[in-house]
Amino acid sequence: MVPPKFYPQDMQDVWAFENRQGRRGPLLQRAELDTPAIKKAYNVLERRLKREVEQDPSFLLRYGKRAAADLRSQRGGPGFQLHYRKMSSNFLTGLENLELTWGPDDPDGPGYVELHPDIGQAVMATLAMTCARESGFCVVTDRRDQYDIAATEVERIYDRWIHGSADSRPRKEESKVRQATYGDLVEIVVVESTNVDRLTPDNLEKLAQEREAFDRFRDSITKIARDIPPMTEEKLEKRLKDEARRVLSNWDNERVKMKGIPAEILGKDAAAPTGDFFKDVVKDIVGPASGGIIGGLTTGSLLVAGAGLAVGVIVHAFNSYGRLRDRDHHSPYRYLTLANNAGVVFTGSP
């Protein structure tokens, strides 16, 4: 999310994603920051902030310039800064009038303003969620303290940040009963259990095309989540981790079976059946012709019998392996295998 006509000095590994295509265009592209929906979201956010300032005398003491300076001295760094063009002019003026934004002492660059970190996070989360909703996307993050934010409806972001716990993280409603969602479970299976350092732009582009496999995976995870009965956050978190472990275990078992099946059919040292392998099978079974007589049967007869046995082994192996490959292709966990092959490392149970 960068302002119009603003060109950030991205690192070279970021540029690579701008040149890779997904189903809906480049994997990395600019978000529209001036749509009616975003202006409406900013208007709602401004009204809530104005009401807080008017009704709570301590609000500016907690979220104004002095409070931000105190946090900056504790944590170090330049504070929470945003480029002014990420916000609508009316919203920015409203924040200035409420004394919730100001010129930073150590600006990140021209056009940056400073806010209290909690106010800034509420602004950016509102912007991100609204952009995602308009584009049909989901918000993802690798920051554990923001997992709940990414799964929150835009209308509730304000309460999560402004009325959260003292350390600015969203407060969990332990006693509230709710239904699990696809996002809850996939967050644990994919986000908490993986390392994507080895995922290259090229492989990510290829993985983005595997929609059939992804759709099966999504449908399977969605069904599992829907089958979990409503429960409190504390119990739900434990249940979700149990289900995530079961998903990863089932996937791992499938991979083990696929690796072991050729050995079951053809011997413990066998790999996936190939044409050259079956030629060798026939050669080994038939052997050289000597023309001798064994037990009333000529070696010619044995050649025919041996060849028939070899053909039988070949047909059986091909059919068995084909069925297994077909089963693997339609597995709901095939997307995890594709991701793993692309460089996503599954780090273990959540």
Protein backbone atom coordinates (compact mmCIF):
# COMPACT_ATOMS: atom_id res chain seq x y z
CA MET A 1 0.00 0.00 0.00
CA VAL A 2 1.93 2.99 -1.28
CA PRO A 3 0.65 6.46 -2.19
CA PRO A 4 -0.08 7.28 -5.86
CA LYS A 5 3.02 8.31 -7.82
CA PHE A 6 5.20 7.31 -4.87
CA TYR A 7 7.99 4.90 -5.74
CA PRO A 8 9.51 3.15 -2.73
CA GLN A 9 13.12 2.02 -2.82
CA ASP A 10 12.27 -1.66 -2.64
CA MET A 11 14.99 -4.25 -2.44
CA GLN A 12 15.74 -6.31 -5.54
CA ASP A 13 14.06 -9.42 -4.12
CA VAL A 14 10.83 -7.40 -3.86
CA TRP A 15 11.03 -6.24 -7.47
CA ALA A 16 11.03 -9.87 -8.60
CA PHE A 17 7.47 -10.33 -7.37
CA GLU A 18 6.22 -7.38 -9.45
CA ASN A 19 7.20 -9.32 -12.59
CA ARG A 20 5.43 -12.56 -11.61
CA GLN A 21 1.82 -13.22 -12.58
CA GLY A 22 -0.96 -14.81 -10.54
CA ARG A 23 -4.50 -15.53 -11.64
CA ARG A 24 -5.48 -11.91 -11.03
CA GLY A 25 -2.46 -10.07 -12.35
CA PRO A 26 0.96 -9.39 -10.84
CA LEU A 27 1.67 -11.06 -7.50
CA LEU A 28 2.67 -7.64 -6.17
CA GLN A 29 0.76 -4.56 -7.26
CA ARG A 30 -0.42 -1.22 -5.96
CA ALA A 31 -3.58 -0.95 -3.90
CA GLU A 32 -6.17 1.69 -4.75
CA LEU A 33 -6.14 4.11 -1.80
CA ASP A 34 -8.70 6.63 -3.00
CA THR A 35 -11.87 4.58 -3.47
CA PRO A 36 -15.30 5.51 -2.03
CA ALA A 37 -15.13 2.53 0.33
CA ILE A 38 -11.81 3.69 1.80
CA LYS A 39 -13.05 7.26 2.19
CA LYS A 40 -16.12 5.91 4.00
CA ALA A 41 -13.96 3.78 6.31
CA TYR A 42 -11.81 6.81 7.13
CA ASN A 43 -14.92 8.88 7.85
CA VAL A 44 -16.18 6.23 10.30
CA LEU A 45 -12.77 6.04 11.97
CA GLU A 46 -12.55 9.84 12.29
CA ARG A 47 -16.00 10.07 13.87
CA ARG A 48 -15.09 7.45 16.46
CA LEU A 49 -11.82 9.20 17.31
CA LYS A 50 -13.59 12.54 17.61
CA ARG A 51 -16.17 11.04 19.96
CA GLU A 52 -13.40 9.56 22.10
CA VAL A 53 -11.57 12.89 22.36
CA GLU A 54 -14.77 14.76 23.24
CA GLN A 55 -16.05 12.24 25.79
CA ASP A 56 -12.82 11.05 27.40
CA PRO A 57 -10.47 13.77 28.77
CA SER A 58 -7.70 11.19 29.21
CA PHE A 59 -7.76 10.04 25.59
CA LEU A 60 -5.19 12.57 24.36
CA LEU A 61 -3.05 11.85 27.41
CA ARG A 62 -2.89 8.21 26.26
CA TYR A 63 -2.71 8.71 22.49
CA GLY A 64 -1.40 12.24 21.90
CA LYS A 65 2.04 13.59 21.05
CA ARG A 66 3.46 13.39 24.58
CA ALA A 67 2.36 9.76 25.03
CA ALA A 68 3.92 8.87 21.68
CA ALA A 69 7.16 10.60 22.67
CA ASP A 70 7.28 8.60 25.91
CA LEU A 71 6.88 5.35 23.97
CA ARG A 72 9.54 6.44 21.51
CA SER A 73 12.03 7.07 24.32
CA GLN A 74 11.26 3.62 25.77
CA ARG A 75 11.40 1.66 22.53
CA GLY A 76 13.80 3.74 20.48
CA GLY A 77 13.44 4.47 16.79
CA PRO A 78 11.65 7.28 14.96
CA GLY A 79 8.15 6.38 16.16
CA PHE A 80 5.13 5.36 14.06
CA GLN A 81 5.14 7.34 10.81
CA LEU A 82 2.88 7.32 7.75
CA HIS A 83 3.13 9.11 4.45
CA TYR A 84 0.36 11.69 4.39
CA ARG A 85 -0.85 10.56 0.97
CA LYS A 86 -1.89 7.18 2.37
CA MET A 87 -4.76 9.04 4.02
CA SER A 88 -7.48 11.16 2.48
CA SER A 89 -6.98 14.92 2.88
CA ASN A 90 -10.17 15.23 4.95
CA PHE A 91 -9.12 12.42 7.28
CA LEU A 92 -5.64 13.88 7.72
CA THR A 93 -7.11 17.31 8.51
CA GLY A 94 -9.46 15.68 11.01
CA LEU A 95 -6.56 13.95 12.78
CA GLU A 96 -4.60 17.20 12.90
CA ASN A 97 -7.58 19.05 14.39
CA LEU A 98 -7.91 16.32 17.04
CA GLU A 99 -4.15 16.62 17.76
CA LEU A 100 -3.67 12.96 16.89
CA THR A 101 -1.02 13.55 14.23
CA TRP A 102 1.96 15.90 13.98
CA GLY A 103 5.26 16.48 12.22
CA PRO A 104 7.88 13.95 13.41
CA ASP A 105 11.16 15.03 15.00
CA ASP A 106 13.05 12.50 12.89
CA PRO A 107 10.99 12.02 9.67
CA ASP A 108 11.43 8.92 7.53
CA GLY A 109 11.35 11.23 4.53
CA PRO A 110 9.41 14.09 2.94
CA GLY A 111 5.65 13.93 3.51
CA TYR A 112 5.68 11.72 6.63
CA VAL A 113 3.56 12.43 9.69
CA GLU A 114 3.72 10.79 13.11
CA LEU A 115 0.94 9.17 15.15
CA HIS A 116 0.74 7.23 18.38
CA PRO A 117 1.52 3.59 17.44
CA ASP A 118 -1.96 2.36 18.45
CA ILE A 119 -3.70 5.06 16.40
CA GLY A 120 -1.36 4.36 13.50
CA GLN A 121 -2.03 0.63 13.66
CA ALA A 122 -5.78 1.27 13.68
CA VAL A 123 -5.42 3.50 10.61
CA MET A 124 -3.24 1.02 8.68
CA ALA A 125 -5.33 -2.01 9.65
CA THR A 126 -8.50 -0.20 8.53
CA LEU A 127 -6.84 0.69 5.23
CA ALA A 128 -5.52 -2.84 4.66
CA MET A 129 -8.79 -4.57 5.52
CA THR A 130 -10.82 -2.22 3.32
CA CYS A 131 -8.44 -2.66 0.37
CA ALA A 132 -8.55 -6.44 0.80
CA ARG A 133 -12.34 -6.54 1.06
CA GLU A 134 -12.72 -4.50 -2.14
CA SER A 135 -10.33 -6.78 -4.04
CA GLY A 136 -11.66 -10.06 -2.65
CA PHE A 137 -8.39 -10.78 -0.83
CA CYS A 138 -7.47 -11.87 2.70
CA VAL A 139 -5.03 -10.01 4.90
CA VAL A 140 -2.07 -12.11 6.02
CA THR A 141 0.75 -11.30 8.42
CA ASP A 142 3.80 -13.01 9.90
CA ARG A 143 3.50 -11.06 13.16
CA ARG A 144 1.95 -13.25 15.84
CA ASP A 145 0.58 -10.26 17.75
CA GLN A 146 -1.47 -9.32 14.69
CA TYR A 147 -2.99 -12.72 13.75
CA ASP A 148 -6.30 -11.68 15.32
CA ILE A 149 -6.26 -8.36 13.48
CA ALA A 150 -5.88 -10.12 10.14
CA ALA A 151 -8.96 -12.24 10.92
CA THR A 152 -11.03 -9.32 12.23
CA GLU A 153 -13.84 -7.56 10.40
CA VAL A 154 -12.94 -3.98 9.48
CA GLU A 155 -15.75 -2.63 11.66
CA ARG A 156 -14.11 -4.13 14.78
CA ILE A 157 -10.52 -3.05 14.16
CA TYR A 158 -10.92 0.15 16.18
CA ASP A 159 -12.01 -1.69 19.30
CA ARG A 160 -9.22 -4.23 18.86
CA TRP A 161 -6.49 -1.59 18.82
CA ILE A 162 -7.84 1.31 20.86
CA HIS A 163 -9.62 -0.72 23.53
CA GLY A 164 -7.21 -3.65 23.58
CA SER A 165 -4.69 -4.60 26.26
CA ALA A 166 -2.06 -2.23 27.61
CA ASP A 167 0.67 -3.57 25.32
CA SER A 168 -1.42 -2.75 22.23
CA ARG A 169 -2.21 -6.36 21.33
CA PRO A 170 -5.83 -7.32 20.72
CA ARG A 171 -7.56 -8.56 23.83
CA LYS A 172 -9.11 -12.00 23.45
CA GLU A 173 -12.66 -12.40 24.63
CA GLU A 174 -12.09 -15.59 26.60
CA SER A 175 -15.72 -16.10 27.66
CA LYS A 176 -17.30 -15.46 24.28
CA VAL A 177 -18.48 -18.53 22.38
CA ARG A 178 -17.91 -18.51 18.63
CA GLN A 179 -17.66 -20.76 15.60
CA ALA A 180 -14.29 -21.63 14.08
CA THR A 181 -13.56 -20.36 10.58
CA TYR A 182 -11.40 -21.45 7.67
CA GLY A 183 -9.07 -18.55 8.49
CA ASP A 184 -8.63 -19.73 12.08
CA LEU A 185 -7.47 -23.18 11.05
CA VAL A 186 -5.42 -22.34 7.98
CA GLU A 187 -3.62 -19.71 10.06
CA ILE A 188 -2.23 -22.47 12.26
CA VAL A 189 -1.64 -25.04 9.50
CA VAL A 190 0.10 -22.64 7.13
CA VAL A 191 1.24 -19.51 8.96
CA GLU A 192 2.40 -20.92 12.30
CA SER A 193 3.88 -24.14 10.92
CA THR A 194 5.91 -23.01 7.92
CA ASN A 195 9.08 -21.25 6.86
CA VAL A 196 9.00 -19.61 3.42
CA ASP A 197 12.61 -18.42 3.23
CA ARG A 198 13.31 -20.89 0.39
CA LEU A 199 10.22 -19.99 -1.64
CA THR A 200 11.49 -18.22 -4.76
CA PRO A 201 9.46 -15.81 -6.93
CA ASP A 202 9.50 -18.34 -9.79
CA ASN A 203 8.16 -21.13 -7.59
CA LEU A 204 5.57 -18.86 -6.02
CA GLU A 205 4.33 -17.92 -9.49
CA LYS A 206 3.97 -21.61 -10.38
CA LEU A 207 2.29 -22.39 -7.06
CA ALA A 208 -0.22 -19.59 -7.66
CA GLN A 209 -1.45 -21.48 -10.75
CA GLU A 210 -2.33 -24.62 -8.75
CA ARG A 211 -5.90 -23.51 -8.17
CA GLU A 212 -7.46 -26.98 -8.36
CA ALA A 213 -5.20 -28.31 -5.62
CA PHE A 214 -5.69 -25.17 -3.53
CA ASP A 215 -9.47 -25.32 -3.89
CA ARG A 216 -9.49 -28.92 -2.60
CA PHE A 217 -7.29 -27.94 0.33
CA ARG A 218 -9.47 -24.91 1.16
CA ASP A 219 -12.67 -26.93 0.94
CA SER A 220 -11.23 -29.62 3.23
CA ILE A 221 -10.05 -27.08 5.83
CA THR A 222 -13.37 -25.24 5.66
CA LYS A 223 -15.30 -28.46 6.35
CA ILE A 224 -13.07 -29.32 9.31
CA ALA A 225 -13.58 -25.83 10.75
CA ARG A 226 -17.35 -26.00 10.28
CA ASP A 227 -17.50 -29.34 12.07
CA ILE A 228 -15.97 -27.82 15.20
CA PRO A 229 -18.80 -26.86 17.57
CA PRO A 230 -18.92 -23.28 18.92
CA MET A 231 -16.80 -22.82 22.05
CA THR A 232 -14.86 -20.23 24.03
CA GLU A 233 -11.64 -18.76 22.66
CA GLU A 234 -9.47 -20.68 25.11
CA LYS A 235 -11.01 -24.04 24.21
CA LEU A 236 -11.19 -23.16 20.53
CA GLU A 237 -7.48 -22.35 20.35
CA LYS A 238 -6.62 -25.77 21.76
CA ARG A 239 -9.08 -27.54 19.44
CA LEU A 240 -7.73 -25.70 16.42
CA LYS A 241 -4.17 -26.75 17.25
CA ASP A 242 -5.33 -30.35 17.64
CA GLU A 243 -7.05 -30.24 14.25
CA ALA A 244 -4.02 -28.59 12.66
CA ARG A 245 -1.77 -31.34 14.00
CA ARG A 246 -4.20 -33.92 12.59
CA VAL A 247 -4.13 -32.26 9.16
CA LEU A 248 -0.32 -32.21 9.07
CA SER A 249 -0.16 -35.79 10.36
CA ASN A 250 -2.59 -37.03 7.70
CA TRP A 251 -0.59 -35.25 5.02
CA ASP A 252 2.65 -36.74 6.31
CA ASN A 253 1.13 -40.23 6.36
CA GLU A 254 0.03 -39.83 2.74
CA ARG A 255 3.54 -38.86 1.71
CA VAL A 256 5.02 -41.83 3.53
CA LYS A 257 2.60 -44.19 1.80
CA MET A 258 3.39 -42.75 -1.61
CA LYS A 259 7.10 -43.24 -1.01
CA GLY A 260 6.65 -46.78 0.28
CA ILE A 261 4.17 -48.22 -2.23
CA PRO A 262 6.68 -49.02 -5.03
CA ALA A 263 8.74 -50.92 -2.46
CA GLU A 264 5.69 -52.91 -1.38
CA ILE A 265 4.97 -53.87 -5.00
CA LEU A 266 8.49 -54.37 -6.34
CA GLY A 267 10.85 -54.73 -3.38
CA LYS A 268 12.11 -52.51 -0.59
CA ASP A 269 14.80 -50.84 -2.68
CA ALA A 270 12.47 -49.99 -5.55
CA ALA A 271 11.65 -46.45 -6.56
CA ALA A 272 8.85 -45.21 -8.77
CA PRO A 273 8.31 -47.65 -11.66
CA THR A 274 9.84 -46.59 -14.95
CA GLY A 275 10.08 -48.03 -18.43
CA ASP A 276 13.78 -48.91 -18.04
CA PHE A 277 13.03 -50.61 -14.73
CA PHE A 278 10.47 -52.93 -16.34
CA LYS A 279 12.89 -53.79 -19.14
CA ASP A 280 15.34 -54.88 -16.47
CA VAL A 281 12.61 -56.93 -14.75
CA VAL A 282 11.92 -58.86 -17.96
CA LYS A 283 15.64 -59.36 -18.58
CA ASP A 284 16.25 -60.65 -15.06
CA ILE A 285 13.28 -63.03 -15.08
CA VAL A 286 13.79 -64.43 -18.57
CA GLY A 287 17.59 -64.75 -18.51
CA PRO A 288 19.68 -66.12 -21.42
CA ALA A 289 18.33 -69.00 -23.52
CA SER A 290 20.40 -72.20 -23.23
CA GLY A 291 18.12 -74.74 -24.98
CA GLY A 292 18.41 -77.23 -22.10
CA ILE A 293 15.65 -79.33 -20.53
CA ILE A 294 14.59 -78.89 -16.91
CA GLY A 295 11.95 -81.15 -15.39
CA GLY A 296 10.50 -81.93 -18.79
CA LEU A 297 10.24 -78.27 -19.80
CA THR A 298 12.58 -76.68 -22.28
CA THR A 299 14.11 -73.34 -21.48
CA GLY A 300 12.05 -72.02 -24.37
CA SER A 301 8.93 -72.85 -22.41
CA LEU A 302 10.44 -71.17 -19.39
CA LEU A 303 11.16 -68.13 -21.48
CA VAL A 304 7.48 -67.88 -22.36
CA ALA A 305 6.43 -68.49 -18.77
CA GLY A 306 8.99 -66.01 -17.49
CA ALA A 307 7.93 -63.38 -19.96
CA GLY A 308 4.30 -63.89 -18.97
CA LEU A 309 5.19 -63.49 -15.32
CA ALA A 310 7.15 -60.33 -16.08
CA VAL A 311 4.23 -58.87 -18.03
CA GLY A 312 1.94 -59.70 -15.14
CA VAL A 313 4.25 -57.96 -12.68
CA ILE A 314 4.51 -54.95 -14.97
CA VAL A 315 0.76 -54.61 -15.45
CA HIS A 316 0.11 -55.04 -11.73
CA ALA A 317 2.76 -52.48 -10.78
CA PHE A 318 1.65 -49.95 -13.38
CA ASN A 319 -2.01 -50.28 -12.35
CA SER A 320 -1.24 -50.06 -8.63
CA TYR A 321 1.08 -47.10 -9.03
CA GLY A 322 -1.40 -45.37 -11.35
CA ARG A 323 -4.19 -45.72 -8.80
CA LEU A 324 -1.99 -44.31 -6.09
CA ARG A 325 -0.87 -41.40 -8.24
CA ASP A 326 -4.50 -40.66 -9.06
CA ARG A 327 -5.42 -40.79 -5.37
CA ASP A 328 -2.54 -38.44 -4.56
CA HIS A 329 -3.60 -36.04 -7.33
CA HIS A 330 -7.08 -35.74 -5.83
CA SER A 331 -5.95 -35.60 -2.21
CA PRO A 332 -7.06 -32.50 -0.25
CA TYR A 333 -3.46 -32.29 1.00
CA ARG A 334 -1.82 -32.21 -2.42
CA TYR A 335 -1.48 -28.42 -2.16
CA LEU A 336 0.73 -28.86 0.89
CA THR A 337 2.94 -31.23 -1.11
CA LEU A 338 3.14 -28.73 -3.97
CA ALA A 339 4.00 -25.95 -1.52
CA ASN A 340 6.65 -28.12 0.07
CA ASN A 341 8.15 -28.93 -3.34
CA ALA A 342 8.15 -25.21 -4.14
CA GLY A 343 10.30 -24.44 -1.11
CA VAL A 344 7.85 -24.01 1.77
CA VAL A 345 9.33 -25.80 4.79
CA PHE A 346 6.88 -27.21 7.30
CA THR A 347 8.57 -26.74 10.63
CA GLY A 348 6.56 -29.27 12.64
CA SER A 349 3.43 -29.45 14.75
CA PRO A 350 1.89 -26.13 15.82
